[in-house]
């Protein structure tokens, strides 16, 4: 008689695999400005657009009109014990991703069984863009995922057992997620519409005064800083960020497809293979990734797009499946969430928006595959195992390609590892009063890596009087990207022309390169033209 493997073995293996892949990725790209957006209020009070003051202490509430300071609060505590580095910034994010995988496993197991949950945990843990966005959290998305699934699991516990404490916990966590980033409204509205469409009788039966009051009150407590801000600013979160549009819809469909197939971040987070400056990997992980890529070939995409299509085919066939309504629920929730970003101005065209649909699409295909396998006599389990193994292997090869290209090509744009050399090259000194930052992309990195002790300012592009004062201050050292690395093209020229009109010229003191030898940053002063 054979013994069954423990149910927890597959999700445990999945989260460990996810963690190891994240560790392989962490050291290669430099810390990116948006990835460190949470850190601004830790070192500069005005980095938060909304805060309260208690005595001499300023407490940040909102960093942007739709992004709260929850992550700032978490790292304020963490940085009391750890120095801010790429490891202390990224490993907590990686742990959040692991927790999301485990929560997804538990929720899927409760509703669809152990086998479906095992499939989902493997596919989610190896999903390339879920891995990358839950390692480099520039969205940010990690807290969104964990609070969404933790809240969903708590509400499910209330539905199963009637424990109103779990109802309160679930809606409090969702409120907290809304404060973290108001874009959590996309999947929450998706869940609400899906519940009304698929489970109308059950939903209305639960809408009783007491549970409704508990849910609303708990949600408002969790989202209290966001609510407070919007009362004070007259609904600015919605008014400043919500506008229906069909513009760019085709590009948003492309972003959805490329997020699914794992290709969306090539060229954004890593230089392409055609870029100059390629070099041999400098460590064991990079060399191993390059060797795997050389042996198995370049995998810029995975097989998740055909897996989605196959999942939809299974869904159509499995009309009388025991979990068909659950699959409808997940499909509608995903579609409604995506429609909100697709038809809103400025959203849905990038991976860090599309990935907010996860883990619902992965749960959907995991259940669809499991139900289809159950219909196949004798060979269903073998077919399911082979399919999941094939998809997971393709995912891992896709992720490995990012590691290999990061190791050989280096991080591109705002992900340059030259940020570390820049931080190590500037320091407060008697001969330098301030460091003026000409372009976008390195303010948060310099602040955080110097723990707020570096005197920096952003050059007043567009304010002639302020710009004149800055240029005429002899103790200022300026930092700009080299011409070909500018994030905002033309920003160097505009400053140079303004200085020339005042009788000053640039004097380059130092050029800083990335690990691949490409010039990235220039340090210079303005000197009076003879």
Protein backbone atom coordinates (compact mmCIF):
# COMPACT_ATOMS: atom_id res chain seq x y z
CA UNK A 1 0.00 0.00 0.00
CA UNK A 2 1.45 3.36 -1.00
CA UNK A 3 1.40 6.34 1.33
CA UNK A 4 0.12 9.63 0.03
CA UNK A 5 2.50 12.55 0.11
CA UNK A 6 1.65 15.26 2.67
CA UNK A 7 -0.63 17.92 1.16
CA UNK A 8 1.72 20.72 2.22
CA UNK A 9 4.71 19.30 0.35
CA UNK A 10 3.93 20.85 -3.06
CA UNK A 11 3.25 24.41 -1.81
CA UNK A 12 6.34 24.23 0.40
CA UNK A 13 8.46 23.19 -2.58
CA UNK A 14 6.82 25.97 -4.65
CA UNK A 15 7.58 28.80 -2.23
CA UNK A 16 11.17 27.59 -1.75
CA UNK A 17 11.65 27.50 -5.53
CA UNK A 18 10.18 31.01 -5.77
CA UNK A 19 12.52 32.25 -3.04
CA UNK A 20 15.63 30.75 -4.66
CA UNK A 21 14.76 32.26 -8.05
CA UNK A 22 14.32 35.64 -6.37
CA UNK A 23 17.70 35.36 -4.66
CA UNK A 24 19.28 34.71 -8.06
CA UNK A 25 17.70 37.89 -9.47
CA UNK A 26 18.28 40.33 -6.59
CA UNK A 27 21.93 41.37 -7.03
CA UNK A 28 21.91 42.21 -10.74
CA UNK A 29 19.74 45.28 -11.44
CA UNK A 30 20.42 48.48 -9.55
CA UNK A 31 17.85 49.89 -7.16
CA UNK A 32 15.25 51.72 -9.23
CA UNK A 33 13.68 55.06 -8.33
CA UNK A 34 10.05 53.84 -8.20
CA UNK A 35 11.13 50.70 -6.38
CA UNK A 36 12.35 53.04 -3.61
CA UNK A 37 9.39 55.40 -3.79
CA UNK A 38 8.30 54.30 -0.32
CA UNK A 39 11.60 55.53 1.14
CA UNK A 40 11.16 59.21 0.25
CA UNK A 41 9.21 60.20 3.38
CA UNK A 42 11.73 58.39 5.59
CA UNK A 43 14.35 61.02 4.76
CA UNK A 44 12.40 64.01 3.45
CA UNK A 45 9.06 65.02 4.96
CA UNK A 46 7.80 66.74 1.82
CA UNK A 47 8.12 63.50 -0.16
CA UNK A 48 4.69 62.59 1.26
CA UNK A 49 1.92 64.69 -0.26
CA UNK A 50 -0.24 64.21 2.85
CA UNK A 51 0.89 63.84 6.46
CA UNK A 52 -0.11 64.78 9.98
CA UNK A 53 2.09 66.39 12.59
CA UNK A 54 2.12 65.39 16.24
CA UNK A 55 4.51 67.66 18.10
CA UNK A 56 7.73 67.68 16.11
CA UNK A 57 6.94 64.35 14.44
CA UNK A 58 5.50 64.31 10.92
CA UNK A 59 3.68 61.09 10.09
CA UNK A 60 3.24 60.35 6.36
CA UNK A 61 -0.21 59.17 5.27
CA UNK A 62 -0.17 59.42 1.47
CA UNK A 63 2.86 59.42 -0.81
CA UNK A 64 0.75 60.01 -3.93
CA UNK A 65 -2.95 60.64 -4.46
CA UNK A 66 -3.55 56.91 -4.92
CA UNK A 67 -0.58 55.42 -3.02
CA UNK A 68 -0.42 55.39 0.76
CA UNK A 69 2.48 55.21 3.19
CA UNK A 70 1.88 51.65 4.45
CA UNK A 71 5.11 50.36 2.87
CA UNK A 72 6.94 53.43 4.23
CA UNK A 73 5.76 52.53 7.73
CA UNK A 74 6.89 48.91 7.34
CA UNK A 75 10.38 49.82 6.14
CA UNK A 76 10.73 52.55 8.75
CA UNK A 77 10.67 49.75 11.31
CA UNK A 78 12.84 47.40 9.24
CA UNK A 79 15.55 50.00 8.67
CA UNK A 80 15.91 50.40 12.41
CA UNK A 81 17.65 47.02 12.35
CA UNK A 82 19.04 46.67 8.82
CA UNK A 83 21.05 49.03 6.64
CA UNK A 84 19.22 49.98 3.44
CA UNK A 85 20.66 47.87 0.60
CA UNK A 86 19.25 45.96 -2.34
CA UNK A 87 18.98 42.91 -0.07
CA UNK A 88 17.09 44.59 2.77
CA UNK A 89 14.77 46.25 0.23
CA UNK A 90 14.07 43.19 -1.91
CA UNK A 91 14.05 40.18 0.42
CA UNK A 92 10.97 41.42 2.36
CA UNK A 93 9.18 41.77 -0.99
CA UNK A 94 10.21 38.24 -1.88
CA UNK A 95 8.78 37.00 1.42
CA UNK A 96 5.50 38.77 0.65
CA UNK A 97 5.36 36.94 -2.68
CA UNK A 98 5.94 33.63 -0.89
CA UNK A 99 3.09 34.43 1.50
CA UNK A 100 0.80 35.22 -1.45
CA UNK A 101 1.58 31.83 -3.00
CA UNK A 102 0.78 30.08 0.28
CA UNK A 103 -2.47 32.02 0.79
CA UNK A 104 -3.48 31.20 -2.78
CA UNK A 105 -2.78 27.54 -2.12
CA UNK A 106 -4.97 27.54 1.01
CA UNK A 107 -7.87 29.37 -0.65
CA UNK A 108 -7.81 27.16 -3.76
CA UNK A 109 -7.60 23.99 -1.65
CA UNK A 110 -10.70 24.98 0.29
CA UNK A 111 -12.77 25.65 -2.81
CA UNK A 112 -11.38 23.27 -5.44
CA UNK A 113 -9.41 20.58 -3.62
CA UNK A 114 -5.80 19.67 -2.96
CA UNK A 115 -4.86 18.68 -6.50
CA UNK A 116 -6.05 21.94 -8.04
CA UNK A 117 -4.31 23.90 -5.28
CA UNK A 118 -1.05 22.04 -5.94
CA UNK A 119 -1.22 22.87 -9.65
CA UNK A 120 -1.94 26.53 -8.90
CA UNK A 121 0.91 26.84 -6.38
CA UNK A 122 3.44 25.46 -8.88
CA UNK A 123 2.26 27.65 -11.76
CA UNK A 124 2.08 30.79 -9.64
CA UNK A 125 5.48 30.22 -8.02
CA UNK A 126 7.16 29.80 -11.42
CA UNK A 127 5.21 32.52 -13.25
CA UNK A 128 7.92 34.82 -14.63
CA UNK A 129 6.33 38.24 -14.27
CA UNK A 130 4.82 37.39 -10.88
CA UNK A 131 8.36 36.45 -9.83
CA UNK A 132 9.94 39.64 -11.17
CA UNK A 133 7.31 42.03 -9.81
CA UNK A 134 7.45 40.33 -6.42
CA UNK A 135 11.22 40.65 -6.30
CA UNK A 136 11.62 44.16 -7.74
CA UNK A 137 8.55 45.90 -6.31
CA UNK A 138 8.48 49.11 -8.36
CA UNK A 139 4.69 48.92 -8.89
CA UNK A 140 4.33 48.49 -6.02
CA UNK A 141 2.33 45.24 -6.11
CA UNK A 142 3.61 42.89 -3.39
CA UNK A 143 1.43 44.27 -0.59
CA UNK A 144 -1.51 44.41 -3.02
CA UNK A 145 -1.27 40.67 -3.68
CA UNK A 146 -0.83 39.57 -0.10
CA UNK A 147 -3.58 41.81 1.32
CA UNK A 148 -5.99 40.82 -1.47
CA UNK A 149 -5.53 37.10 -0.86
CA UNK A 150 -5.35 37.36 2.94
CA UNK A 151 -8.62 39.30 2.92
CA UNK A 152 -10.23 36.84 0.49
CA UNK A 153 -9.20 33.89 2.65
CA UNK A 154 -10.57 35.56 5.80
CA UNK A 155 -13.90 36.36 4.11
CA UNK A 156 -14.06 32.78 2.83
CA UNK A 157 -13.62 31.58 6.41
CA UNK A 158 -16.60 33.73 7.41
CA UNK A 159 -18.66 32.28 4.56
CA UNK A 160 -17.75 28.74 5.60
CA UNK A 161 -18.06 29.04 9.36
CA UNK A 162 -20.03 32.21 10.02
CA UNK A 163 -17.27 33.71 12.19
CA UNK A 164 -17.85 37.47 12.04
CA UNK A 165 -14.37 38.12 13.37
CA UNK A 166 -13.03 36.72 10.11
CA UNK A 167 -15.42 38.97 8.18
CA UNK A 168 -14.05 41.96 10.07
CA UNK A 169 -10.46 40.84 9.48
CA UNK A 170 -11.01 40.30 5.76
CA UNK A 171 -12.51 43.72 5.11
CA UNK A 172 -9.94 45.40 7.35
CA UNK A 173 -7.15 43.83 5.25
CA UNK A 174 -8.86 44.97 2.05
CA UNK A 175 -9.17 48.47 3.48
CA UNK A 176 -5.48 48.37 4.35
CA UNK A 177 -4.78 47.30 0.76
CA UNK A 178 -6.77 50.25 -0.54
CA UNK A 179 -4.66 52.57 1.58
CA UNK A 180 -1.49 50.92 0.28
CA UNK A 181 -2.66 51.54 -3.29
CA UNK A 182 -6.15 52.47 -4.35
CA UNK A 183 -5.77 50.30 -7.46
CA UNK A 184 -6.82 47.38 -5.26
CA UNK A 185 -10.29 48.61 -6.17
CA UNK A 186 -9.82 46.86 -9.54
CA UNK A 187 -9.77 43.26 -8.23
CA UNK A 188 -12.19 44.10 -5.38
CA UNK A 189 -14.79 45.44 -7.81
CA UNK A 190 -14.08 42.41 -9.99
CA UNK A 191 -14.82 40.10 -7.06
CA UNK A 192 -18.03 41.98 -6.21
CA UNK A 193 -19.35 41.87 -9.79
CA UNK A 194 -18.40 38.19 -10.12
CA UNK A 195 -20.19 37.33 -6.86
CA UNK A 196 -23.38 39.09 -7.99
CA UNK A 197 -23.26 37.41 -11.41
CA UNK A 198 -22.37 33.87 -10.34
CA UNK A 199 -23.68 33.61 -6.78
CA UNK A 200 -26.57 36.12 -6.67
CA UNK A 201 -28.78 34.20 -4.27
CA UNK A 202 -25.95 33.44 -1.86
CA UNK A 203 -24.68 37.03 -2.05
CA UNK A 204 -28.02 38.69 -1.25
CA UNK A 205 -28.65 36.20 1.53
CA UNK A 206 -25.44 37.39 3.18
CA UNK A 207 -26.26 41.09 2.81
CA UNK A 208 -27.82 41.49 6.23
CA UNK A 209 -27.53 44.70 8.31
CA UNK A 210 -25.12 43.38 10.94
CA UNK A 211 -22.58 41.68 8.61
CA UNK A 212 -22.82 44.64 6.24
CA UNK A 213 -22.11 47.09 9.06
CA UNK A 214 -19.15 45.00 10.24
CA UNK A 215 -17.72 44.83 6.73
CA UNK A 216 -18.10 48.56 6.03
CA UNK A 217 -16.74 49.65 9.42
CA UNK A 218 -13.76 47.28 9.20
CA UNK A 219 -12.97 48.41 5.67
CA UNK A 220 -13.10 52.07 6.67
CA UNK A 221 -10.79 51.45 9.63
CA UNK A 222 -8.24 49.73 7.38
CA UNK A 223 -8.48 52.47 4.77
CA UNK A 224 -8.72 55.31 7.34
CA UNK A 225 -5.68 57.33 6.09
CA UNK A 226 -6.99 57.14 2.51
CA UNK A 227 -10.50 58.11 3.64
CA UNK A 228 -9.17 60.98 5.74
CA UNK A 229 -7.11 62.26 2.81
CA UNK A 230 -10.08 62.16 0.43
CA UNK A 231 -12.38 63.93 2.88
CA UNK A 232 -9.79 66.68 3.23
CA UNK A 233 -8.98 66.83 -0.50
CA UNK A 234 -12.54 66.33 -1.77
CA UNK A 235 -12.15 62.92 -3.37
CA UNK A 236 -8.84 63.62 -5.09
CA UNK A 237 -7.92 59.94 -5.41
CA UNK A 238 -10.78 59.33 -7.83
CA UNK A 239 -10.97 62.75 -9.46
CA UNK A 240 -7.25 62.91 -10.28
CA UNK A 241 -6.84 59.33 -11.48
CA UNK A 242 -10.08 58.19 -13.08
CA UNK A 243 -11.02 59.09 -16.63
CA UNK A 244 -12.69 56.79 -19.14
CA UNK A 245 -10.83 56.45 -22.44
CA UNK A 246 -10.35 53.95 -25.25
CA UNK A 247 -7.05 55.54 -26.24
CA UNK A 248 -4.15 53.10 -26.34
CA UNK A 249 -6.40 50.06 -26.03
CA UNK A 250 -4.35 48.06 -28.52
CA UNK A 251 -1.16 48.73 -26.57
CA UNK A 252 -2.90 47.58 -23.38
CA UNK A 253 -3.91 44.31 -25.03
CA UNK A 254 -0.26 43.88 -26.04
CA UNK A 255 0.85 44.57 -22.45
CA UNK A 256 -1.60 41.92 -21.22
CA UNK A 257 -0.31 39.36 -23.70
CA UNK A 258 3.35 40.09 -22.98
CA UNK A 259 2.78 39.96 -19.23
CA UNK A 260 1.17 36.56 -19.64
CA UNK A 261 3.95 35.18 -21.86
CA UNK A 262 6.77 36.64 -19.74
CA UNK A 263 8.36 38.88 -22.37
CA UNK A 264 7.15 42.30 -21.23
CA UNK A 265 10.23 43.30 -19.17
CA UNK A 266 12.93 42.49 -21.72
CA UNK A 267 14.33 45.83 -22.81
CA UNK A 268 12.85 47.58 -19.78
CA UNK A 269 14.64 46.02 -16.84
CA UNK A 270 17.56 44.58 -18.83
CA UNK A 271 19.52 45.68 -21.89
CA UNK A 272 18.84 43.66 -25.07
CA UNK A 273 21.49 41.32 -26.43
CA UNK A 274 22.15 43.80 -29.24
CA UNK A 275 23.27 46.52 -26.78
CA UNK A 276 26.99 47.37 -26.59
CA UNK A 277 28.95 46.47 -23.49
CA UNK A 278 28.04 42.80 -23.07
CA UNK A 279 30.46 40.94 -20.83
CA UNK A 280 30.93 37.55 -19.27
CA UNK A 281 28.98 37.01 -16.02
CA UNK A 282 30.99 37.88 -12.93
CA UNK A 283 29.54 35.37 -10.44
CA UNK A 284 28.49 31.73 -10.18
CA UNK A 285 24.75 32.43 -10.51
CA UNK A 286 25.25 34.51 -13.66
CA UNK A 287 27.54 31.91 -15.22
CA UNK A 288 25.08 29.11 -14.42
CA UNK A 289 22.17 31.07 -15.90
CA UNK A 290 24.17 31.84 -19.06
CA UNK A 291 25.14 28.17 -19.38
CA UNK A 292 21.51 27.05 -19.04
CA UNK A 293 20.45 29.60 -21.65
CA UNK A 294 23.21 28.40 -23.96
CA UNK A 295 22.22 24.74 -23.54
CA UNK A 296 18.41 25.05 -23.75
CA UNK A 297 18.31 28.09 -26.02
CA UNK A 298 17.03 31.63 -25.52
CA UNK A 299 13.55 31.67 -23.98
CA UNK A 300 12.10 35.17 -24.23
CA UNK A 301 8.60 33.78 -23.67
CA UNK A 302 7.03 30.97 -21.70
CA UNK A 303 3.97 28.81 -22.51
CA UNK A 304 1.43 30.57 -20.31
CA UNK A 305 -0.42 32.21 -23.23
CA UNK A 306 -1.30 28.87 -24.86
CA UNK A 307 -2.05 27.61 -21.33
CA UNK A 308 -4.61 30.41 -20.94
CA UNK A 309 -6.19 29.46 -24.27
CA UNK A 310 -6.23 25.78 -23.30
CA UNK A 311 -7.78 26.70 -19.95
CA UNK A 312 -10.59 28.58 -21.72
CA UNK A 313 -11.20 25.56 -23.99
CA UNK A 314 -11.42 23.32 -20.92
CA UNK A 315 -13.80 25.81 -19.31
CA UNK A 316 -16.16 25.66 -22.28
CA UNK A 317 -16.09 21.86 -22.32
CA UNK A 318 -16.57 21.48 -18.55
CA UNK A 319 -20.02 23.11 -18.34
CA UNK A 320 -21.29 20.54 -15.84
CA UNK A 321 -18.12 20.39 -13.79
CA UNK A 322 -18.54 20.66 -10.00
CA UNK A 323 -16.34 23.77 -10.03
CA UNK A 324 -17.68 25.39 -13.20
CA UNK A 325 -19.36 28.22 -11.25
CA UNK A 326 -16.09 28.88 -9.42
CA UNK A 327 -14.29 29.12 -12.76
CA UNK A 328 -16.98 31.55 -13.97
CA UNK A 329 -16.40 33.58 -10.82
CA UNK A 330 -12.66 33.79 -11.43
CA UNK A 331 -13.07 34.56 -15.13
CA UNK A 332 -15.52 37.40 -14.52
CA UNK A 333 -13.43 38.83 -11.66
CA UNK A 334 -10.37 38.87 -13.93
CA UNK A 335 -12.22 40.36 -16.90
CA UNK A 336 -13.85 43.12 -14.84
CA UNK A 337 -10.56 44.02 -13.13
CA UNK A 338 -8.76 44.22 -16.48
CA UNK A 339 -11.55 46.28 -18.10
CA UNK A 340 -11.14 48.93 -15.38
CA UNK A 341 -7.46 49.44 -16.17
CA UNK A 342 -7.92 49.02 -19.93
CA UNK A 343 -10.52 51.79 -20.21
CA UNK A 344 -8.90 54.24 -17.82
CA UNK A 345 -6.41 56.91 -18.82
CA UNK A 346 -2.79 56.06 -18.02
CA UNK A 347 -3.34 52.55 -16.68
CA UNK A 348 -3.14 49.01 -18.01
CA UNK A 349 -0.22 49.55 -20.36
CA UNK A 350 2.56 48.24 -18.11
CA UNK A 351 3.38 45.00 -16.31
CA UNK A 352 2.98 46.47 -12.82
CA UNK A 353 -0.68 47.18 -13.59
CA UNK A 354 -1.50 43.97 -15.45
CA UNK A 355 0.05 41.79 -12.73
CA UNK A 356 -2.58 43.08 -10.29
CA UNK A 357 -4.94 40.58 -11.98
CA UNK A 358 -2.90 37.77 -10.47
CA UNK A 359 -3.40 35.22 -8.96
CA UNK A 360 -6.96 34.86 -10.36
CA UNK A 361 -5.96 33.86 -13.94
CA UNK A 362 -3.55 31.24 -12.59
CA UNK A 363 -6.19 29.84 -10.23
CA UNK A 364 -8.63 29.67 -13.15
CA UNK A 365 -6.37 27.62 -15.41
CA UNK A 366 -5.22 25.44 -12.51
CA UNK A 367 -8.81 24.43 -11.72
CA UNK A 368 -9.68 24.04 -15.42
CA UNK A 369 -6.73 21.70 -16.01
CA UNK A 370 -7.49 19.65 -12.90
CA UNK A 371 -11.16 19.27 -13.78
CA UNK A 372 -10.31 18.29 -17.36
CA UNK A 373 -7.80 15.70 -16.15
CA UNK A 374 -10.47 14.17 -13.91
CA UNK A 375 -12.55 13.49 -17.06
CA UNK A 376 -9.76 11.50 -18.70
CA UNK A 377 -9.88 7.86 -17.58
CA UNK A 378 -6.65 6.20 -16.48
CA UNK A 379 -4.26 8.77 -17.99
CA UNK A 380 -5.68 11.99 -16.56
CA UNK A 381 -3.21 12.29 -13.70
CA UNK A 382 -0.25 11.54 -15.96
CA UNK A 383 -1.42 14.10 -18.52
CA UNK A 384 -1.95 16.76 -15.84
CA UNK A 385 1.46 16.10 -14.30
CA UNK A 386 3.18 16.30 -17.68
CA UNK A 387 1.36 19.52 -18.60
CA UNK A 388 2.18 21.26 -15.32
CA UNK A 389 5.81 20.11 -15.50
CA UNK A 390 6.08 21.45 -19.07
CA UNK A 391 4.56 24.84 -18.13
CA UNK A 392 6.69 25.17 -15.00
CA UNK A 393 9.87 24.28 -16.91
CA UNK A 394 9.06 26.86 -19.60
CA UNK A 395 8.42 29.46 -16.89
CA UNK A 396 11.74 28.73 -15.21
CA UNK A 397 13.63 28.90 -18.50
CA UNK A 398 11.96 32.26 -19.17
CA UNK A 399 12.99 33.55 -15.73
CA UNK A 400 16.48 32.12 -16.24
CA UNK A 401 16.78 34.17 -19.44
CA UNK A 402 16.23 37.35 -17.40
CA UNK A 403 18.96 36.26 -14.98
CA UNK A 404 21.34 35.37 -17.83
CA UNK A 405 20.81 38.65 -19.67
CA UNK A 406 21.04 40.71 -16.49
CA UNK A 407 24.34 38.98 -15.74
CA UNK A 408 25.74 39.61 -19.23
CA UNK A 409 23.99 42.80 -20.40
CA UNK A 410 23.26 44.61 -17.14
CA UNK A 411 20.21 46.50 -15.93
CA UNK A 412 18.91 49.14 -18.31
CA UNK A 413 17.50 52.63 -17.79
CA UNK A 414 16.56 53.27 -14.19
CA UNK A 415 17.74 49.77 -13.24
CA UNK A 416 21.42 50.52 -13.84
CA UNK A 417 23.87 49.17 -11.28
CA UNK A 418 25.83 52.42 -11.71
CA UNK A 419 23.60 53.82 -8.94
CA UNK A 420 25.88 52.06 -6.43
CA UNK A 421 29.03 53.65 -7.87
CA UNK A 422 27.28 57.00 -7.90
CA UNK A 423 26.25 56.67 -4.25
CA UNK A 424 29.81 55.68 -3.35
CA UNK A 425 31.28 58.64 -5.24
CA UNK A 426 29.33 61.48 -3.65
CA UNK A 427 29.47 62.56 -0.05
CA UNK A 428 28.83 65.63 2.01
CA UNK A 429 31.99 67.74 2.11
CA UNK A 430 33.07 71.33 2.96
CA UNK A 431 33.53 72.17 -0.72
CA UNK A 432 30.08 70.99 -1.75
CA UNK A 433 26.91 72.51 -0.33
CA UNK A 434 24.42 70.59 -2.46
CA UNK A 435 24.14 67.97 -5.19
CA UNK A 436 21.76 69.00 -7.97
CA UNK A 437 19.97 66.19 -9.78
CA UNK A 438 19.27 67.06 -13.39
CA UNK A 439 17.28 64.02 -14.56
CA UNK A 440 14.79 61.56 -13.08
CA UNK A 441 15.80 58.14 -11.78
CA UNK A 442 18.38 58.45 -9.00
CA UNK A 443 16.93 60.74 -6.31
CA UNK A 444 15.48 57.98 -4.11
CA UNK A 445 18.53 55.76 -4.56
CA UNK A 446 20.96 58.45 -3.44
CA UNK A 447 18.80 59.46 -0.50
CA UNK A 448 18.28 55.93 0.75
CA UNK A 449 21.81 54.63 0.22
CA UNK A 450 23.09 57.65 2.19
CA UNK A 451 20.26 57.22 4.73
CA UNK A 452 19.09 60.78 4.14
CA UNK A 453 22.45 62.35 4.96
CA UNK A 454 23.26 63.61 1.45
CA UNK A 455 22.21 67.19 0.62
CA UNK A 456 20.38 66.83 -2.69
CA UNK A 457 17.87 68.86 -4.66
CA UNK A 458 16.09 68.45 -7.96
CA UNK A 459 17.12 71.07 -10.51
CA UNK A 460 14.31 73.54 -11.12
CA UNK A 461 13.64 72.75 -14.77
CA UNK A 462 11.00 75.27 -15.86
CA UNK A 463 11.48 77.87 -13.10
CA UNK A 464 13.94 80.47 -14.52
CA UNK A 465 14.42 82.44 -11.27
CA UNK A 466 15.12 79.37 -9.17
CA UNK A 467 17.30 77.88 -11.88
CA UNK A 468 19.37 81.09 -12.04
CA UNK A 469 19.94 80.96 -8.28
CA UNK A 470 21.05 77.31 -8.46
CA UNK A 471 23.46 77.85 -11.35
CA UNK A 472 25.04 80.85 -9.65
CA UNK A 473 25.69 78.88 -6.43
CA UNK A 474 29.39 77.86 -6.72
CA UNK A 475 29.23 75.08 -4.09
CA UNK A 476 26.77 72.97 -6.11
CA UNK A 477 27.82 69.78 -7.86
CA UNK A 478 25.40 68.56 -10.52
CA UNK A 479 24.62 64.98 -11.50
CA UNK A 480 23.19 64.12 -14.88
CA UNK A 481 22.82 61.09 -17.11
CA UNK A 482 25.08 60.91 -20.11
CA UNK A 483 23.33 62.07 -23.29
CA UNK A 484 22.31 58.57 -24.41
CA UNK A 485 21.05 57.53 -20.96
CA UNK A 486 18.66 60.41 -20.28
CA UNK A 487 15.29 59.28 -18.92
CA UNK A 488 13.73 62.58 -20.05
CA UNK A 489 15.48 63.39 -23.34
CA UNK A 490 16.58 67.00 -23.67
CA UNK A 491 16.79 67.77 -19.95
CA UNK A 492 20.59 68.12 -20.13
CA UNK A 493 20.39 70.53 -23.07
CA UNK A 494 17.80 72.73 -21.39
CA UNK A 495 20.00 73.16 -18.32
CA UNK A 496 23.08 73.74 -20.48
CA UNK A 497 21.32 76.41 -22.53
CA UNK A 498 20.04 78.15 -19.39
CA UNK A 499 23.57 78.19 -17.97
CA UNK A 500 25.03 79.54 -21.22
CA UNK A 501 22.51 82.41 -21.23
CA UNK A 502 23.75 83.33 -17.74
CA UNK A 503 27.41 83.20 -18.77
CA UNK A 504 28.24 79.76 -17.32
CA UNK A 505 29.48 76.52 -18.85
CA UNK A 506 29.69 72.91 -17.70
CA UNK A 507 32.92 71.56 -16.29
CA UNK A 508 32.76 67.74 -16.14
CA UNK A 509 34.61 66.45 -13.08
CA UNK A 510 33.87 62.75 -13.30
CA UNK A 511 32.05 60.16 -15.42
CA UNK A 512 30.71 57.03 -13.73
CA UNK A 513 30.21 53.73 -15.54
CA UNK A 514 28.10 50.66 -14.91
CA UNK A 515 29.56 47.21 -14.36
CA UNK A 516 29.62 46.67 -18.12
CA UNK A 517 31.77 49.74 -18.67
CA UNK A 518 29.04 51.92 -20.16
CA UNK A 519 29.14 55.62 -19.11
CA UNK A 520 25.93 56.43 -17.20
CA UNK A 521 26.38 59.44 -14.88
CA UNK A 522 28.34 62.68 -15.12
CA UNK A 523 29.29 64.88 -12.18
CA UNK A 524 29.98 68.51 -13.08
CA UNK A 525 30.06 72.07 -11.83
CA UNK A 526 29.12 75.31 -13.53
CA UNK A 527 32.01 77.73 -14.04
CA UNK A 528 31.83 81.34 -15.13
CA UNK A 529 32.70 81.70 -18.81
CA UNK A 530 35.72 84.03 -19.28
